[in-house]
Each structure stands twice: as structure tokens, then as C-alpha cells.
């Protein structure tokens, strides 16, 4: 029997997933959570074979949870509506065994779980091209500056927060715009979000 834990913040979706998988002869849903924090505790406590994670959840995202669960015997499958290359690449780095989209047919999920149990990796076909797509070109410091911009901070506030001069902040901003090939801060934020590069 394949023992499964599911994390999904939408109650109806969580219940439906649990019911669907429990209908399979060789599967049993042993735990359900609606946030990233709780699912980590559940996996450590119940030691399931498979953990199915949504990405956008309160507390910790599915990606953060999968990074924390890396190294445990439980295999992780991401089940999400987001076909974003940044999310996918981050999930791959965390060592997830599967990355599926919620609009896939339900029998695909059960089959994916069986394949993952045999040691295979299962990724949504529409994401495979993204394995070879661009990585985030920004340095750690440039990412920090862009995240502060996205939080609504101005040049002076960013400089104070990062203990650098306003001139240095302006240099970082122009490097960010050049690297992302955009003309202003709003476009830089939009592009980073679209590619799934924001945490």
C-alpha cells in the first residue's frame, strides 16, 4: 500500500484529492494539511511514501516545504496550477520526483504516483522545455534589491536596509534593468514574477 500525505490550501480541492486517491486499490491517504508548516510535521510524524504539495500555501510554500523535506525517504510530487519555469527549476533543485499541473486528468496523478514509487521522475510535458530555459540572471544582491523594490521601498530605504549608498542602489537597479532587458522597475518585477523567480 502506497501511503500518501497531501498539502493543499483549498479545502474542497484537498478533500477531492484525498477521496480520489483513496479510491485506488494500492493507495491510502494517511494525512492532509492545508499549509506548508503542517505538512512538514505530518511527513516527519507519519513517514509516508509520497507527499503531494501545492505551491502557493500559507506558512511555507510547497517549494519551501519540498526543500525542507529533501533528504527524507518520502518522495515529493508538486501538484500546481503554475507552469512557471522558475518554480519548476527550483523544484528540480529541491529534488522533487514529480511536477504535475492541476488541469491534468485525475488518472494521470495515480499513474504518476506509481511511477515515482519505482524511482522514476514524472514532469508535466509542457514544462520539459523549461528545464533548459534561462536561469535567473540576477546576483543574490540584485535579487535582494528587486525584492525590496517589490515591497514598495524607495532608493533611500533600500540603501538603509542593505547598508549601502543610494548611488550603489541606483547602480544595482540599472544592472537589473539591463539584465532583464526591461525599461523600468515595474516591468522588472512583473517579469520576475512571471518567470517564477520571486520567492
C-alpha atoms as a PDB file:
ATOM      1  CA  UNK A   1       0.000   0.000   0.000  1.00  0.00           C
ATOM      2  CA  UNK A   2       1.366   3.431  -1.007  1.00  0.00           C
ATOM      3  CA  UNK A   3       0.959   5.819   1.934  1.00  0.00           C
ATOM      4  CA  UNK A   4       0.308   9.437   0.930  1.00  0.00           C
ATOM      5  CA  UNK A   5       0.243  12.841   2.635  1.00  0.00           C
ATOM      6  CA  UNK A   6      -1.362  15.780   0.785  1.00  0.00           C
ATOM      7  CA  UNK A   7      -0.912  19.532   1.347  1.00  0.00           C
ATOM      8  CA  UNK A   8      -3.348  21.892  -0.388  1.00  0.00           C
ATOM      9  CA  UNK A   9      -4.725  25.172   0.988  1.00  0.00           C
ATOM     10  CA  UNK A  10      -8.109  24.939  -0.768  1.00  0.00           C
ATOM     11  CA  UNK A  11     -10.279  22.703   1.418  1.00  0.00           C
ATOM     12  CA  UNK A  12     -12.515  21.438  -1.394  1.00  0.00           C
ATOM     13  CA  UNK A  13      -9.527  20.524  -3.571  1.00  0.00           C
ATOM     14  CA  UNK A  14      -7.834  18.834  -0.588  1.00  0.00           C
ATOM     15  CA  UNK A  15     -10.925  16.739   0.146  1.00  0.00           C
ATOM     16  CA  UNK A  16     -11.421  15.820  -3.525  1.00  0.00           C
ATOM     17  CA  UNK A  17      -7.790  14.763  -3.950  1.00  0.00           C
ATOM     18  CA  UNK A  18      -7.923  12.657  -0.785  1.00  0.00           C
ATOM     19  CA  UNK A  19     -11.145  10.926  -1.898  1.00  0.00           C
ATOM     20  CA  UNK A  20      -9.839  10.261  -5.418  1.00  0.00           C
ATOM     21  CA  UNK A  21      -6.596   8.694  -4.245  1.00  0.00           C
ATOM     22  CA  UNK A  22      -8.337   6.611  -1.565  1.00  0.00           C
ATOM     23  CA  UNK A  23     -10.404   5.016  -4.367  1.00  0.00           C
ATOM     24  CA  UNK A  24      -7.207   3.448  -5.752  1.00  0.00           C
ATOM     25  CA  UNK A  25      -6.700  -0.140  -4.506  1.00  0.00           C
ATOM     26  CA  UNK A  26      -2.997   0.359  -3.810  1.00  0.00           C
ATOM     27  CA  UNK A  27      -3.112   3.824  -2.178  1.00  0.00           C
ATOM     28  CA  UNK A  28      -4.071   5.249   1.191  1.00  0.00           C
ATOM     29  CA  UNK A  29      -4.114   8.935   2.159  1.00  0.00           C
ATOM     30  CA  UNK A  30      -2.749   8.915   5.722  1.00  0.00           C
ATOM     31  CA  UNK A  31      -2.602  12.681   6.327  1.00  0.00           C
ATOM     32  CA  UNK A  32      -3.803  16.020   4.956  1.00  0.00           C
ATOM     33  CA  UNK A  33      -2.627  19.567   5.651  1.00  0.00           C
ATOM     34  CA  UNK A  34      -3.590  22.989   4.325  1.00  0.00           C
ATOM     35  CA  UNK A  35      -0.260  24.757   4.784  1.00  0.00           C
ATOM     36  CA  UNK A  36       3.455  24.150   4.328  1.00  0.00           C
ATOM     37  CA  UNK A  37       4.312  24.187   8.044  1.00  0.00           C
ATOM     38  CA  UNK A  38       1.843  21.448   8.999  1.00  0.00           C
ATOM     39  CA  UNK A  39       2.784  19.147   6.140  1.00  0.00           C
ATOM     40  CA  UNK A  40       6.434  19.064   7.234  1.00  0.00           C
ATOM     41  CA  UNK A  41       5.354  17.914  10.728  1.00  0.00           C
ATOM     42  CA  UNK A  42       2.959  15.347   9.231  1.00  0.00           C
ATOM     43  CA  UNK A  43       5.635  13.854   6.970  1.00  0.00           C
ATOM     44  CA  UNK A  44       8.114  13.569   9.844  1.00  0.00           C
ATOM     45  CA  UNK A  45       5.470  12.047  12.094  1.00  0.00           C
ATOM     46  CA  UNK A  46       3.764   9.650   9.629  1.00  0.00           C
ATOM     47  CA  UNK A  47       6.718   8.827   7.319  1.00  0.00           C
ATOM     48  CA  UNK A  48       4.578   8.423   4.168  1.00  0.00           C
ATOM     49  CA  UNK A  49       5.923   7.110   0.854  1.00  0.00           C
ATOM     50  CA  UNK A  50       4.664  10.105  -1.117  1.00  0.00           C
ATOM     51  CA  UNK A  51       3.960  13.736  -0.261  1.00  0.00           C
ATOM     52  CA  UNK A  52       1.843  15.775  -2.704  1.00  0.00           C
ATOM     53  CA  UNK A  53       2.337  19.543  -2.369  1.00  0.00           C
ATOM     54  CA  UNK A  54       0.559  22.567  -3.784  1.00  0.00           C
ATOM     55  CA  UNK A  55       2.936  25.527  -4.308  1.00  0.00           C
ATOM     56  CA  UNK A  56       1.116  28.602  -3.032  1.00  0.00           C
ATOM     57  CA  UNK A  57       0.146  27.897   0.574  1.00  0.00           C
ATOM     58  CA  UNK A  58       0.252  29.939   3.776  1.00  0.00           C
ATOM     59  CA  UNK A  59       3.056  29.488   6.312  1.00  0.00           C
ATOM     60  CA  UNK A  60       5.506  27.881   3.948  1.00  0.00           C
ATOM     61  CA  UNK A  61       5.072  27.445   0.196  1.00  0.00           C
ATOM     62  CA  UNK A  62       5.180  23.999  -1.363  1.00  0.00           C
ATOM     63  CA  UNK A  63       8.628  24.828  -2.730  1.00  0.00           C
ATOM     64  CA  UNK A  64       9.954  25.758   0.729  1.00  0.00           C
ATOM     65  CA  UNK A  65       8.407  22.591   2.170  1.00  0.00           C
ATOM     66  CA  UNK A  66       9.941  20.432  -0.578  1.00  0.00           C
ATOM     67  CA  UNK A  67      13.362  21.976   0.153  1.00  0.00           C
ATOM     68  CA  UNK A  68      12.949  21.094   3.845  1.00  0.00           C
ATOM     69  CA  UNK A  69      11.783  17.559   3.040  1.00  0.00           C
ATOM     70  CA  UNK A  70      14.745  16.894   0.729  1.00  0.00           C
ATOM     71  CA  UNK A  71      16.821  14.034   2.078  1.00  0.00           C
ATOM     72  CA  UNK A  72      13.907  12.220   3.739  1.00  0.00           C
ATOM     73  CA  UNK A  73      12.733   8.879   2.343  1.00  0.00           C
ATOM     74  CA  UNK A  74       9.377  10.412   1.338  1.00  0.00           C
ATOM     75  CA  UNK A  75       9.177  11.258  -2.379  1.00  0.00           C
ATOM     76  CA  UNK A  76       7.688  14.671  -3.219  1.00  0.00           C
ATOM     77  CA  UNK A  77       5.273  15.461  -6.054  1.00  0.00           C
ATOM     78  CA  UNK A  78       4.331  19.093  -6.736  1.00  0.00           C
ATOM     79  CA  UNK A  79       0.750  19.497  -7.970  1.00  0.00           C
ATOM     80  CA  UNK A  80       0.076  23.078  -9.024  1.00  0.00           C
ATOM     81  CA  UNK A  81      -1.714  25.413 -11.422  1.00  0.00           C
ATOM     82  CA  UNK A  82       1.598  27.221 -12.079  1.00  0.00           C
ATOM     83  CA  UNK A  83       3.583  26.190 -15.147  1.00  0.00           C
ATOM     84  CA  UNK A  84       6.332  28.707 -14.326  1.00  0.00           C
ATOM     85  CA  UNK A  85       9.898  27.869 -15.288  1.00  0.00           C
ATOM     86  CA  UNK A  86      11.348  29.487 -12.144  1.00  0.00           C
ATOM     87  CA  UNK A  87       9.124  27.357  -9.901  1.00  0.00           C
ATOM     88  CA  UNK A  88       9.886  24.234 -11.915  1.00  0.00           C
ATOM     89  CA  UNK A  89      13.642  24.778 -11.810  1.00  0.00           C
ATOM     90  CA  UNK A  90      13.546  25.421  -8.075  1.00  0.00           C
ATOM     91  CA  UNK A  91      11.501  22.227  -7.565  1.00  0.00           C
ATOM     92  CA  UNK A  92      14.036  20.227  -9.611  1.00  0.00           C
ATOM     93  CA  UNK A  93      16.868  21.613  -7.451  1.00  0.00           C
ATOM     94  CA  UNK A  94      14.965  20.536  -4.335  1.00  0.00           C
ATOM     95  CA  UNK A  95      14.922  17.006  -5.764  1.00  0.00           C
ATOM     96  CA  UNK A  96      11.174  16.575  -6.293  1.00  0.00           C
ATOM     97  CA  UNK A  97      10.169  13.347  -8.022  1.00  0.00           C
ATOM     98  CA  UNK A  98       7.212  14.827  -9.888  1.00  0.00           C
ATOM     99  CA  UNK A  99       5.809  18.175 -11.022  1.00  0.00           C
ATOM    100  CA  UNK A 100       2.259  17.963 -12.386  1.00  0.00           C
ATOM    101  CA  UNK A 101      -0.361  20.522 -13.333  1.00  0.00           C
ATOM    102  CA  UNK A 102      -3.822  20.534 -11.762  1.00  0.00           C
ATOM    103  CA  UNK A 103      -5.568  20.552 -15.125  1.00  0.00           C
ATOM    104  CA  UNK A 104      -4.177  17.073 -15.916  1.00  0.00           C
ATOM    105  CA  UNK A 105      -6.670  14.156 -15.870  1.00  0.00           C
ATOM    106  CA  UNK A 106      -7.040  12.617 -12.388  1.00  0.00           C
ATOM    107  CA  UNK A 107      -5.843   9.149 -13.502  1.00  0.00           C
ATOM    108  CA  UNK A 108      -2.540  10.762 -14.506  1.00  0.00           C
ATOM    109  CA  UNK A 109      -1.866  11.593 -10.857  1.00  0.00           C
ATOM    110  CA  UNK A 110      -2.395   8.000  -9.695  1.00  0.00           C
ATOM    111  CA  UNK A 111      -0.170   6.698 -12.511  1.00  0.00           C
ATOM    112  CA  UNK A 112       2.476   9.306 -11.719  1.00  0.00           C
ATOM    113  CA  UNK A 113       2.478   8.189  -8.062  1.00  0.00           C
ATOM    114  CA  UNK A 114       3.059   4.559  -9.118  1.00  0.00           C
ATOM    115  CA  UNK A 115       5.885   5.558 -11.480  1.00  0.00           C
ATOM    116  CA  UNK A 116       7.521   7.733  -8.817  1.00  0.00           C
ATOM    117  CA  UNK A 117       7.396   4.777  -6.406  1.00  0.00           C
ATOM    118  CA  UNK A 118       9.510   2.776  -8.889  1.00  0.00           C
ATOM    119  CA  UNK A 119      12.138   5.539  -8.840  1.00  0.00           C
ATOM    120  CA  UNK A 120      11.112   7.407 -11.983  1.00  0.00           C
ATOM    121  CA  UNK A 121      10.760  11.181 -12.280  1.00  0.00           C
ATOM    122  CA  UNK A 122       7.484  12.465 -13.759  1.00  0.00           C
ATOM    123  CA  UNK A 123       7.219  16.035 -15.042  1.00  0.00           C
ATOM    124  CA  UNK A 124       4.378  17.724 -16.946  1.00  0.00           C
ATOM    125  CA  UNK A 125       5.371  17.605 -20.651  1.00  0.00           C
ATOM    126  CA  UNK A 126       4.699  21.342 -21.109  1.00  0.00           C
ATOM    127  CA  UNK A 127       7.445  22.069 -18.577  1.00  0.00           C
ATOM    128  CA  UNK A 128      10.197  19.947 -20.091  1.00  0.00           C
ATOM    129  CA  UNK A 129      11.370  22.785 -22.368  1.00  0.00           C
ATOM    130  CA  UNK A 130      11.811  24.894 -19.246  1.00  0.00           C
ATOM    131  CA  UNK A 131      14.491  22.527 -17.931  1.00  0.00           C
ATOM    132  CA  UNK A 132      16.782  24.085 -20.493  1.00  0.00           C
ATOM    133  CA  UNK A 133      15.448  27.614 -20.271  1.00  0.00           C
ATOM    134  CA  UNK A 134      17.219  30.552 -18.739  1.00  0.00           C
ATOM    135  CA  UNK A 135      18.181  30.716 -15.093  1.00  0.00           C
ATOM    136  CA  UNK A 136      17.608  33.921 -13.143  1.00  0.00           C
ATOM    137  CA  UNK A 137      20.480  36.162 -14.338  1.00  0.00           C
ATOM    138  CA  UNK A 138      20.482  38.342 -11.196  1.00  0.00           C
ATOM    139  CA  UNK A 139      23.073  38.054  -8.438  1.00  0.00           C
ATOM    140  CA  UNK A 140      21.950  37.480  -4.836  1.00  0.00           C
ATOM    141  CA  UNK A 141      22.367  41.207  -4.064  1.00  0.00           C
ATOM    142  CA  UNK A 142      20.429  42.260  -7.186  1.00  0.00           C
ATOM    143  CA  UNK A 143      17.615  39.847  -6.217  1.00  0.00           C
ATOM    144  CA  UNK A 144      17.539  41.400  -2.733  1.00  0.00           C
ATOM    145  CA  UNK A 145      17.281  44.913  -4.234  1.00  0.00           C
ATOM    146  CA  UNK A 146      14.467  43.853  -6.587  1.00  0.00           C
ATOM    147  CA  UNK A 147      12.537  42.181  -3.757  1.00  0.00           C
ATOM    148  CA  UNK A 148      12.765  45.381  -1.697  1.00  0.00           C
ATOM    149  CA  UNK A 149      11.534  47.381  -4.710  1.00  0.00           C
ATOM    150  CA  UNK A 150       8.606  44.944  -4.990  1.00  0.00           C
ATOM    151  CA  UNK A 151       7.898  45.561  -1.278  1.00  0.00           C
ATOM    152  CA  UNK A 152       7.435  49.257  -2.130  1.00  0.00           C
ATOM    153  CA  UNK A 153      10.758  50.511  -0.729  1.00  0.00           C
ATOM    154  CA  UNK A 154      12.369  53.588  -2.297  1.00  0.00           C
ATOM    155  CA  UNK A 155      16.078  54.011  -3.111  1.00  0.00           C
ATOM    156  CA  UNK A 156      16.867  55.595   0.272  1.00  0.00           C
ATOM    157  CA  UNK A 157      15.062  52.846   2.232  1.00  0.00           C
ATOM    158  CA  UNK A 158      16.783  50.097   0.215  1.00  0.00           C
ATOM    159  CA  UNK A 159      20.175  51.711   0.863  1.00  0.00           C
ATOM    160  CA  UNK A 160      19.467  51.828   4.620  1.00  0.00           C
ATOM    161  CA  UNK A 161      18.171  48.248   4.703  1.00  0.00           C
ATOM    162  CA  UNK A 162      21.190  46.826   2.829  1.00  0.00           C
ATOM    163  CA  UNK A 163      23.744  49.208   4.419  1.00  0.00           C
ATOM    164  CA  UNK A 164      24.908  50.575   1.075  1.00  0.00           C
ATOM    165  CA  UNK A 165      24.820  54.042  -0.518  1.00  0.00           C
ATOM    166  CA  UNK A 166      21.921  55.322  -2.630  1.00  0.00           C
ATOM    167  CA  UNK A 167      24.356  55.548  -5.569  1.00  0.00           C
ATOM    168  CA  UNK A 168      25.116  51.823  -5.226  1.00  0.00           C
ATOM    169  CA  UNK A 169      21.372  51.065  -5.135  1.00  0.00           C
ATOM    170  CA  UNK A 170      20.913  53.045  -8.357  1.00  0.00           C
ATOM    171  CA  UNK A 171      23.772  51.056  -9.955  1.00  0.00           C
ATOM    172  CA  UNK A 172      22.117  47.783  -8.924  1.00  0.00           C
ATOM    173  CA  UNK A 173      18.792  48.949 -10.363  1.00  0.00           C
ATOM    174  CA  UNK A 174      20.325  49.824 -13.724  1.00  0.00           C
ATOM    175  CA  UNK A 175      22.109  46.410 -13.793  1.00  0.00           C
ATOM    176  CA  UNK A 176      18.788  44.678 -13.001  1.00  0.00           C
ATOM    177  CA  UNK A 177      17.004  46.543 -15.837  1.00  0.00           C
ATOM    178  CA  UNK A 178      19.846  45.708 -18.275  1.00  0.00           C
ATOM    179  CA  UNK A 179      19.964  42.011 -17.358  1.00  0.00           C
ATOM    180  CA  UNK A 180      16.189  41.575 -17.518  1.00  0.00           C
ATOM    181  CA  UNK A 181      16.022  43.697 -20.704  1.00  0.00           C
ATOM    182  CA  UNK A 182      13.263  45.915 -19.327  1.00  0.00           C
ATOM    183  CA  UNK A 183      12.878  49.694 -19.125  1.00  0.00           C
ATOM    184  CA  UNK A 184      11.562  50.257 -15.597  1.00  0.00           C
ATOM    185  CA  UNK A 185      11.132  48.779 -12.110  1.00  0.00           C
ATOM    186  CA  UNK A 186       7.512  47.687 -12.645  1.00  0.00           C
ATOM    187  CA  UNK A 187       8.477  45.660 -15.740  1.00  0.00           C
ATOM    188  CA  UNK A 188      11.375  44.097 -13.812  1.00  0.00           C
ATOM    189  CA  UNK A 189       9.021  42.972 -11.027  1.00  0.00           C
ATOM    190  CA  UNK A 190       6.392  41.722 -13.499  1.00  0.00           C
ATOM    191  CA  UNK A 191       8.957  39.744 -15.497  1.00  0.00           C
ATOM    192  CA  UNK A 192      10.482  38.155 -12.381  1.00  0.00           C
ATOM    193  CA  UNK A 193       7.039  37.138 -11.110  1.00  0.00           C
ATOM    194  CA  UNK A 194       6.031  35.707 -14.488  1.00  0.00           C
ATOM    195  CA  UNK A 195       9.146  33.553 -14.607  1.00  0.00           C
ATOM    196  CA  UNK A 196       8.609  32.411 -11.006  1.00  0.00           C
ATOM    197  CA  UNK A 197      11.876  33.937  -9.789  1.00  0.00           C
ATOM    198  CA  UNK A 198      10.371  35.601  -6.738  1.00  0.00           C
ATOM    199  CA  UNK A 199      10.413  33.538  -3.540  1.00  0.00           C
END
